[in-house]
Amino acid sequence: MAIRRTALSTLLALATLFAQVAHGQGTNVAFNGIKGDNKLPVEVNADNLTVNQSDGSAVFSGNVIVIQGDLRLTAGEITVVYAKEGKGIEKLIASGEVLLVNATDAAEAQEAVYTIEAGEVVLTGGVLLTQGQTTISGEKLIIDITAGTGRMEGRVTTTFTPADNN
């Protein structure tokens, strides 16, 4: 009886997931692992730094690592755009083998834009999200790090491993 119940719940989960994917509208995903605090300080480490005072930006290149609390963003290059009022960072634009990690979740993409004040990270280009043994891929992933929610869009594919109840 327990096996039937497990099989039925797995089948229902698959049906729901496939219905979302078939519509091509995207998939909403819980991001408790990538939940963070956008008010914490942002630390940037890199091999090189180029500052442009005229447009209020700084380009970090070579093994770039950005840390904000438990949130870690790595990329080949990250442009920091400073707020117009001169207070803090407006957004981070990452390119080249982007990796966003925190706790149990990890997301890979070609590019990412992290708008600090909004607490929103948008990853694009061959996005792969890994949550434990589950993977979800698509073309665009929008994460609200303060709420711990997100949405994967663009030909969403998922692979998950059902729980072994033996």
Protein backbone atom coordinates (compact mmCIF):
# COMPACT_ATOMS: atom_id res chain seq x y z
CA MET A 1 0.00 0.00 0.00
CA ALA A 2 2.86 2.39 0.84
CA ILE A 3 4.47 1.64 -2.53
CA ARG A 4 1.19 2.45 -4.33
CA ARG A 5 0.84 5.71 -2.41
CA THR A 6 4.46 6.68 -3.24
CA ALA A 7 3.97 5.74 -6.89
CA LEU A 8 0.76 7.77 -7.06
CA SER A 9 2.33 10.86 -5.48
CA THR A 10 5.33 10.57 -7.83
CA LEU A 11 2.98 10.22 -10.81
CA LEU A 12 0.99 13.30 -9.72
CA ALA A 13 4.19 15.32 -9.29
CA LEU A 14 5.38 14.25 -12.74
CA ALA A 15 2.02 15.09 -14.32
CA THR A 16 2.05 18.56 -12.78
CA LEU A 17 5.63 19.15 -13.85
CA PHE A 18 5.06 17.91 -17.40
CA ALA A 19 1.93 20.04 -17.73
CA GLN A 20 3.96 23.14 -16.83
CA VAL A 21 6.77 22.22 -19.20
CA ALA A 22 4.37 21.37 -22.04
CA HIS A 23 2.82 24.82 -21.82
CA GLY A 24 6.28 26.32 -22.28
CA GLN A 25 5.36 29.11 -19.89
CA GLY A 26 8.11 28.32 -17.40
CA THR A 27 8.32 26.69 -14.03
CA ASN A 28 8.12 28.26 -10.60
CA VAL A 29 10.78 26.95 -8.25
CA ALA A 30 11.43 27.26 -4.51
CA PHE A 31 14.89 28.67 -3.78
CA ASN A 32 15.27 28.29 -0.05
CA GLY A 33 18.98 27.56 -0.55
CA ILE A 34 19.51 30.72 -2.63
CA LYS A 35 17.52 32.87 -0.25
CA GLY A 36 19.67 35.70 1.03
CA ASP A 37 19.81 39.18 2.52
CA ASN A 38 20.36 41.93 -0.07
CA LYS A 39 21.16 44.45 2.70
CA LEU A 40 24.43 42.75 3.68
CA PRO A 41 27.78 44.16 2.46
CA VAL A 42 29.06 43.02 -0.96
CA GLU A 43 32.69 41.84 -1.12
CA VAL A 44 34.40 41.50 -4.54
CA ASN A 45 37.70 39.68 -5.20
CA ALA A 46 39.39 39.45 -8.62
CA ASP A 47 42.73 39.36 -10.43
CA ASN A 48 42.17 42.77 -12.08
CA LEU A 49 40.12 45.94 -11.60
CA THR A 50 39.37 48.77 -14.05
CA VAL A 51 37.41 51.80 -12.77
CA ASN A 52 35.44 54.18 -14.99
CA GLN A 53 34.57 57.33 -13.03
CA SER A 54 32.61 58.88 -15.91
CA ASP A 55 29.92 56.19 -16.01
CA GLY A 56 30.16 55.07 -12.36
CA SER A 57 31.26 51.50 -12.99
CA ALA A 58 34.09 49.14 -12.15
CA VAL A 59 35.04 46.03 -14.12
CA PHE A 60 36.52 43.13 -12.18
CA SER A 61 38.11 40.41 -14.32
CA GLY A 62 39.90 37.12 -13.81
CA ASN A 63 38.63 34.65 -11.20
CA VAL A 64 35.98 37.06 -9.91
CA ILE A 65 34.24 36.11 -6.67
CA VAL A 66 31.42 38.17 -5.14
CA ILE A 67 30.25 37.33 -1.62
CA GLN A 68 27.17 38.70 0.11
CA GLY A 69 26.38 36.81 3.30
CA ASP A 70 25.98 33.16 2.28
CA LEU A 71 25.44 34.08 -1.38
CA ARG A 72 28.45 33.52 -3.66
CA LEU A 73 28.66 34.64 -7.32
CA THR A 74 31.64 33.71 -9.50
CA ALA A 75 32.37 34.61 -13.13
CA GLY A 76 35.12 35.47 -15.57
CA GLU A 77 34.12 39.14 -15.45
CA ILE A 78 31.76 41.20 -13.30
CA THR A 79 30.86 44.83 -13.89
CA VAL A 80 29.79 46.72 -10.78
CA VAL A 81 27.40 49.59 -11.54
CA TYR A 82 27.29 52.08 -8.69
CA ALA A 83 24.06 53.79 -7.61
CA LYS A 84 23.47 57.22 -9.16
CA GLU A 85 23.30 58.86 -5.74
CA GLY A 86 26.79 57.58 -5.04
CA LYS A 87 25.60 55.33 -2.23
CA GLY A 88 26.33 51.67 -2.71
CA ILE A 89 25.99 49.32 -5.64
CA GLU A 90 23.04 49.37 -8.04
CA LYS A 91 23.75 46.09 -9.82
CA LEU A 92 26.31 43.48 -10.74
CA ILE A 93 26.57 42.25 -14.34
CA ALA A 94 28.39 38.91 -14.59
CA SER A 95 29.54 37.12 -17.73
CA GLY A 96 31.56 34.04 -18.59
CA GLU A 97 30.85 30.78 -16.76
CA VAL A 98 28.63 32.33 -14.11
CA LEU A 99 27.99 30.30 -10.96
CA LEU A 100 25.60 31.37 -8.18
CA VAL A 101 25.66 29.23 -5.02
CA ASN A 102 24.22 29.29 -1.53
CA ALA A 103 23.60 26.42 0.90
CA THR A 104 22.09 23.52 -1.10
CA ASP A 105 21.33 25.27 -4.43
CA ALA A 106 23.63 26.12 -7.33
CA ALA A 107 22.82 27.83 -10.63
CA GLU A 108 25.08 28.01 -13.70
CA ALA A 109 24.63 30.31 -16.73
CA GLN A 110 26.50 32.38 -19.30
CA GLU A 111 25.34 35.73 -17.87
CA ALA A 112 23.70 37.11 -14.75
CA VAL A 113 22.44 40.49 -13.57
CA TYR A 114 21.99 40.99 -9.82
CA THR A 115 19.97 44.11 -8.99
CA ILE A 116 20.94 44.67 -5.36
CA GLU A 117 18.07 46.87 -4.11
CA ALA A 118 15.39 44.64 -5.67
CA GLY A 119 17.13 41.48 -4.48
CA GLU A 120 16.66 39.99 -7.96
CA VAL A 121 19.10 37.85 -9.92
CA VAL A 122 18.39 37.12 -13.60
CA LEU A 123 20.52 34.37 -15.13
CA THR A 124 20.48 33.80 -18.91
CA GLY A 125 22.07 31.49 -21.44
CA GLY A 126 22.06 27.76 -20.84
CA VAL A 127 20.87 27.97 -17.24
CA LEU A 128 21.27 24.86 -15.09
CA LEU A 129 19.88 24.82 -11.54
CA THR A 130 20.87 22.02 -9.17
CA GLN A 131 18.95 21.44 -5.96
CA GLY A 132 20.24 18.30 -4.27
CA GLN A 133 19.84 15.53 -6.86
CA THR A 134 17.26 17.49 -8.85
CA THR A 135 18.30 19.54 -11.89
CA ILE A 136 16.27 22.06 -13.88
CA SER A 137 17.50 23.69 -17.07
CA GLY A 138 16.18 26.48 -19.26
CA GLU A 139 17.20 29.70 -20.97
CA LYS A 140 16.31 32.20 -18.23
CA LEU A 141 16.09 31.98 -14.44
CA ILE A 142 14.69 34.86 -12.38
CA ILE A 143 15.40 34.60 -8.65
CA ASP A 144 13.99 36.76 -5.85
CA ILE A 145 16.67 36.10 -3.24
CA THR A 146 14.83 37.92 -0.44
CA ALA A 147 11.70 35.77 -0.87
CA GLY A 148 13.54 32.59 -1.85
CA THR A 149 11.44 32.11 -5.00
CA GLY A 150 12.21 31.88 -8.67
CA ARG A 151 10.97 31.13 -12.17
CA MET A 152 12.70 29.17 -14.93
CA GLU A 153 11.71 30.05 -18.51
CA GLY A 154 12.57 28.93 -22.03
CA ARG A 155 12.23 25.23 -22.85
CA VAL A 156 12.39 24.01 -19.28
CA THR A 157 13.70 20.49 -18.68
CA THR A 158 14.03 18.76 -15.33
CA THR A 159 15.54 15.57 -13.97
CA PHE A 160 14.83 14.41 -10.46
CA THR A 161 15.38 11.29 -8.43
CA PRO A 162 12.33 9.98 -6.54
CA ALA A 163 12.87 9.09 -2.89
CA ASP A 164 13.84 5.49 -2.20
CA ASN A 165 11.43 4.17 0.43
CA ASN A 166 13.18 0.82 0.97
